[in-house]
N, C-alpha and C. Protein backbone atom coordinates (compact mmCIF):
# COMPACT_ATOMS: atom_id res chain seq x y z
N MET A 1 1.07 -1.35 0.16
CA MET A 1 0.15 -0.14 0.09
C MET A 1 1.01 1.34 0.19
N GLY A 2 0.51 1.92 -1.02
CA GLY A 2 1.54 3.16 -1.12
C GLY A 2 1.15 4.52 -0.06
N PRO A 3 1.25 5.42 -0.06
CA PRO A 3 1.23 6.87 0.52
C PRO A 3 0.07 7.45 0.62
N ILE A 4 -0.46 7.15 -0.87
CA ILE A 4 -1.69 8.14 -0.85
C ILE A 4 -2.99 6.85 -0.74
N GLU A 5 -2.74 5.72 -1.27
CA GLU A 5 -3.53 4.87 -1.15
C GLU A 5 -3.86 4.61 0.79
N LYS A 6 -3.33 5.21 1.59
CA LYS A 6 -3.03 4.95 2.98
C LYS A 6 -3.60 6.02 3.37
N GLN A 7 -3.47 7.29 2.90
CA GLN A 7 -4.31 8.82 3.27
C GLN A 7 -5.70 8.36 2.52
N ILE A 8 -6.35 7.92 1.84
CA ILE A 8 -7.17 7.86 1.08
C ILE A 8 -8.00 7.23 2.01
N ARG A 9 -7.60 5.67 2.22
CA ARG A 9 -8.11 4.71 3.56
C ARG A 9 -8.43 5.66 4.75
N ASP A 10 -7.17 6.47 5.24
CA ASP A 10 -8.04 6.59 6.55
C ASP A 10 -8.53 7.81 6.78
N ILE A 11 -8.51 9.01 5.43
CA ILE A 11 -9.34 9.80 5.60
C ILE A 11 -10.88 9.02 5.75
N LEU A 12 -11.21 8.32 4.68
CA LEU A 12 -12.54 7.76 4.40
C LEU A 12 -13.09 6.80 5.29
N SER A 13 -12.09 6.02 6.03
CA SER A 13 -12.25 5.40 7.43
C SER A 13 -12.94 6.31 8.55
N GLN A 14 -12.47 6.94 8.60
CA GLN A 14 -12.84 7.85 9.96
C GLN A 14 -13.93 8.44 9.71
N ALA A 15 -14.22 9.28 8.76
CA ALA A 15 -15.26 10.21 8.05
C ALA A 15 -16.84 9.17 8.11
N LEU A 16 -16.12 8.15 7.04
CA LEU A 16 -17.32 7.36 7.01
C LEU A 16 -17.89 5.94 7.50
N ASP A 17 -16.73 5.47 8.38
CA ASP A 17 -17.10 4.18 9.03
C ASP A 17 -17.95 2.99 8.05
N PRO A 18 -16.79 2.79 7.05
CA PRO A 18 -17.38 2.31 5.99
C PRO A 18 -17.48 0.70 6.53
N LEU A 19 -18.88 0.07 5.77
CA LEU A 19 -19.08 -1.51 5.77
C LEU A 19 -18.20 -2.01 4.47
N ARG A 20 -18.18 -1.47 4.03
CA ARG A 20 -17.03 -2.37 2.87
C ARG A 20 -16.19 -0.93 2.05
N MET A 21 -14.88 -1.13 1.83
CA MET A 21 -14.64 -0.08 1.01
C MET A 21 -13.45 -0.73 0.26
N GLU A 22 -12.70 -0.60 -1.03
CA GLU A 22 -11.72 -0.92 -1.44
C GLU A 22 -10.95 0.41 -2.38
N VAL A 23 -9.70 0.57 -1.81
CA VAL A 23 -9.34 1.33 -2.74
C VAL A 23 -8.19 0.77 -3.96
N ILE A 24 -8.27 1.60 -4.89
CA ILE A 24 -7.78 0.11 -6.06
C ILE A 24 -6.82 1.74 -6.94
N ASN A 25 -5.62 0.98 -6.84
CA ASN A 25 -4.82 1.92 -7.91
C ASN A 25 -4.76 1.14 -8.94
N GLU A 26 -4.99 2.22 -10.11
CA GLU A 26 -5.79 2.33 -11.60
C GLU A 26 -4.15 2.81 -12.60
N SER A 27 -3.07 3.25 -11.81
CA SER A 27 -1.94 4.21 -12.34
C SER A 27 -1.72 3.30 -13.69
N HIS A 28 -1.68 2.19 -13.33
CA HIS A 28 -0.57 1.22 -14.15
C HIS A 28 -1.44 1.20 -15.43
N MET A 29 -2.87 1.56 -15.42
CA MET A 29 -3.41 1.43 -16.54
C MET A 29 -3.62 2.67 -17.44
N HIS A 30 -3.16 3.58 -16.77
CA HIS A 30 -2.67 5.18 -17.43
C HIS A 30 -1.17 5.68 -18.22
N ALA A 31 -0.42 4.63 -17.91
CA ALA A 31 0.94 4.95 -18.32
C ALA A 31 0.89 5.41 -19.71
N GLY A 32 1.64 6.56 -19.29
CA GLY A 32 1.84 8.05 -20.46
C GLY A 32 0.84 8.76 -20.97
N HIS A 33 -0.38 8.46 -20.36
CA HIS A 33 -1.34 9.44 -20.40
C HIS A 33 -1.21 10.60 -19.17
N ALA A 34 -1.88 11.96 -19.89
CA ALA A 34 -1.93 12.80 -19.07
C ALA A 34 -1.79 12.77 -17.79
N GLY A 35 -0.94 13.29 -16.70
CA GLY A 35 -1.04 13.49 -15.43
C GLY A 35 -0.58 12.02 -14.94
N GLY A 36 -0.15 11.15 -15.57
CA GLY A 36 0.61 9.77 -15.28
C GLY A 36 1.92 9.53 -15.18
N SER A 37 2.64 8.84 -14.92
CA SER A 37 4.12 8.44 -15.40
C SER A 37 4.35 7.67 -16.77
N ALA A 38 5.39 7.75 -17.09
CA ALA A 38 5.46 7.32 -18.29
C ALA A 38 5.33 5.64 -18.44
N ASP A 39 5.84 5.11 -16.79
CA ASP A 39 5.56 3.23 -16.94
C ASP A 39 4.53 3.16 -15.91
N GLY A 40 3.53 3.87 -16.02
CA GLY A 40 1.98 3.77 -15.26
C GLY A 40 2.46 3.46 -13.52
N SER A 41 3.92 3.37 -13.07
CA SER A 41 3.85 3.52 -11.91
C SER A 41 3.82 5.11 -10.63
N GLY A 42 3.66 4.81 -9.76
CA GLY A 42 3.00 5.55 -9.11
C GLY A 42 1.56 5.02 -8.19
N GLU A 43 1.02 6.85 -7.72
CA GLU A 43 -0.27 6.47 -7.67
C GLU A 43 -0.83 7.83 -8.33
N THR A 44 -1.41 7.90 -9.31
CA THR A 44 -1.93 8.97 -10.09
C THR A 44 -3.17 9.00 -10.27
N HIS A 45 -3.90 7.62 -10.66
CA HIS A 45 -5.33 7.13 -10.85
C HIS A 45 -5.92 6.14 -9.41
N MET A 46 -6.70 6.55 -9.14
CA MET A 46 -7.35 5.69 -7.95
C MET A 46 -8.83 5.60 -7.62
N ARG A 47 -9.37 4.41 -7.54
CA ARG A 47 -10.81 4.13 -7.75
C ARG A 47 -10.84 3.55 -6.18
N VAL A 48 -12.17 4.35 -5.78
CA VAL A 48 -13.00 4.09 -4.55
C VAL A 48 -14.00 3.28 -4.80
N ARG A 49 -14.01 2.17 -3.90
CA ARG A 49 -15.55 1.81 -3.51
C ARG A 49 -15.72 1.73 -2.29
N VAL A 50 -16.95 2.71 -1.78
CA VAL A 50 -17.19 2.15 -0.81
C VAL A 50 -18.81 2.40 -0.26
N ILE A 51 -18.94 1.41 0.78
CA ILE A 51 -20.60 1.23 1.48
C ILE A 51 -20.55 2.12 2.60
N SER A 52 -21.18 2.65 2.89
CA SER A 52 -21.28 3.47 4.50
C SER A 52 -22.92 3.59 4.48
N ALA A 53 -23.14 3.62 5.66
CA ALA A 53 -24.48 4.21 6.18
C ALA A 53 -24.65 5.41 6.18
N LYS A 54 -23.68 6.16 6.12
CA LYS A 54 -23.79 7.80 5.82
C LYS A 54 -24.15 8.23 4.19
N PHE A 55 -24.32 6.97 3.79
CA PHE A 55 -24.69 7.29 2.60
C PHE A 55 -26.46 7.34 2.53
N ASP A 56 -27.09 6.33 3.07
CA ASP A 56 -28.29 6.09 3.31
C ASP A 56 -28.93 7.35 3.56
N GLY A 57 -30.01 7.24 2.08
CA GLY A 57 -30.69 8.12 2.12
C GLY A 57 -30.48 9.69 1.31
N VAL A 58 -29.18 9.52 1.06
CA VAL A 58 -28.51 10.88 0.10
C VAL A 58 -28.45 10.23 -1.19
N GLY A 59 -28.35 11.26 -2.27
CA GLY A 59 -28.18 11.07 -3.63
C GLY A 59 -26.95 10.72 -3.91
N ARG A 60 -26.88 10.46 -5.58
CA ARG A 60 -25.59 10.09 -5.70
C ARG A 60 -24.61 11.58 -6.07
N VAL A 61 -25.05 12.50 -6.76
CA VAL A 61 -24.20 13.79 -6.54
C VAL A 61 -23.86 14.30 -5.26
N GLN A 62 -24.33 13.74 -4.47
CA GLN A 62 -24.14 14.18 -2.91
C GLN A 62 -22.96 13.59 -2.56
N ARG A 63 -23.20 11.91 -2.42
CA ARG A 63 -22.40 11.39 -2.14
C ARG A 63 -21.00 11.75 -3.06
N HIS A 64 -21.05 11.98 -4.25
CA HIS A 64 -19.62 12.24 -4.96
C HIS A 64 -19.28 13.58 -4.04
N ARG A 65 -19.83 14.34 -3.80
CA ARG A 65 -19.49 15.58 -3.48
C ARG A 65 -18.73 15.66 -1.82
N LEU A 66 -19.62 14.58 -0.96
CA LEU A 66 -19.03 14.39 0.04
C LEU A 66 -17.51 13.58 -0.03
N ILE A 67 -17.21 12.56 -0.60
CA ILE A 67 -16.13 12.45 -0.98
C ILE A 67 -15.09 13.06 -1.41
N ASN A 68 -15.32 14.07 -2.21
CA ASN A 68 -14.48 15.23 -2.80
C ASN A 68 -14.00 16.04 -2.19
N GLU A 69 -15.14 16.30 -1.09
CA GLU A 69 -14.95 17.40 -0.30
C GLU A 69 -13.94 16.98 0.95
N LEU A 70 -14.29 15.24 1.55
CA LEU A 70 -13.00 14.65 2.26
C LEU A 70 -12.09 14.66 1.74
N LEU A 71 -11.30 14.44 0.51
CA LEU A 71 -10.33 13.83 -0.06
C LEU A 71 -9.59 15.26 -0.55
N LYS A 72 -10.12 16.38 -0.48
CA LYS A 72 -9.37 17.79 -1.38
C LYS A 72 -7.97 17.54 -1.26
N PRO A 73 -7.44 17.50 0.43
CA PRO A 73 -6.14 17.75 0.59
C PRO A 73 -5.86 16.68 -0.36
N VAL A 74 -5.87 15.39 -0.65
CA VAL A 74 -4.94 14.44 -1.54
C VAL A 74 -5.01 14.52 -2.92
N LEU A 75 -6.69 15.51 -3.36
CA LEU A 75 -6.15 15.96 -4.60
C LEU A 75 -5.51 17.12 -5.02
N ASP A 76 -5.10 17.63 -3.61
CA ASP A 76 -4.48 19.15 -4.12
C ASP A 76 -3.20 18.73 -4.20
N GLU A 77 -2.72 17.31 -3.71
CA GLU A 77 -1.30 17.19 -3.30
C GLU A 77 -0.84 16.55 -4.81
N GLY A 78 -2.07 16.51 -5.50
CA GLY A 78 -1.41 16.16 -6.95
C GLY A 78 -2.03 14.97 -7.41
N LEU A 79 -3.36 14.00 -6.85
CA LEU A 79 -3.93 13.35 -7.48
C LEU A 79 -4.10 13.31 -8.66
N HIS A 80 -4.15 12.53 -9.79
CA HIS A 80 -4.45 12.95 -10.97
C HIS A 80 -6.05 12.79 -11.57
N ALA A 81 -6.56 11.81 -10.98
CA ALA A 81 -8.06 10.86 -11.27
C ALA A 81 -8.75 10.45 -10.38
N LEU A 82 -9.71 10.45 -9.62
CA LEU A 82 -10.54 9.36 -8.81
C LEU A 82 -11.75 9.27 -8.97
N ALA A 83 -11.58 8.16 -9.47
CA ALA A 83 -13.07 7.37 -9.76
C ALA A 83 -13.55 6.99 -8.05
N LEU A 84 -14.76 7.18 -8.31
CA LEU A 84 -15.74 6.95 -7.71
C LEU A 84 -17.12 5.89 -7.65
N GLU A 85 -17.36 4.99 -6.63
CA GLU A 85 -18.71 4.26 -6.50
C GLU A 85 -19.00 4.28 -4.85
N PRO A 86 -19.20 5.14 -4.38
CA PRO A 86 -20.08 5.13 -3.30
C PRO A 86 -21.47 4.50 -2.98
N ALA A 87 -22.06 3.83 -2.21
CA ALA A 87 -22.92 3.06 -2.14
C ALA A 87 -23.55 3.25 -0.61
N ALA A 88 -24.92 3.11 -0.58
CA ALA A 88 -25.80 3.17 0.99
C ALA A 88 -25.89 1.87 0.99
N THR A 89 -26.15 1.22 2.23
CA THR A 89 -26.24 0.48 2.79
C THR A 89 -27.19 -0.48 1.90
N THR A 90 -28.53 0.04 1.47
CA THR A 90 -29.74 -0.55 0.96
C THR A 90 -29.21 -0.73 -0.76
N ASP A 91 -28.06 -0.09 -1.28
CA ASP A 91 -27.45 -0.60 -2.60
C ASP A 91 -27.49 -1.60 -3.34
N ASN A 92 -27.65 -1.83 -4.31
CA ASN A 92 -27.32 -3.36 -4.84
C ASN A 92 -25.85 -3.03 -5.52
N VAL A 93 -24.79 -3.76 -4.79
CA VAL A 93 -23.49 -3.58 -5.84
C VAL A 93 -23.03 -4.51 -6.60
N ARG A 94 -22.07 -4.18 -7.52
CA ARG A 94 -21.48 -5.39 -8.69
C ARG A 94 -20.39 -5.35 -8.22
N TRP A 95 -19.94 -4.93 -7.12
CA TRP A 95 -18.40 -5.75 -6.73
C TRP A 95 -18.52 -5.74 -5.39
């Protein structure tokens, strides 16, 4: 686990008390693309899948806004891309 993944996990675990969470480094899939490294190493592109009761009764856009607000320091430090899959406890998820 790299430092950015750890930071994301720590922030979201504390704020959302997730039932389940995955933080996936997808940087290798973006080798040579803008915002990524030439060889796809590092932590430039991350995907977050999180199920939390804090999302119960909250719309999709608001869920994304909440996570983006929580992770603003990580984004400001240079994380290039963040894909979000937030779910309420009552949502059916494919993952």
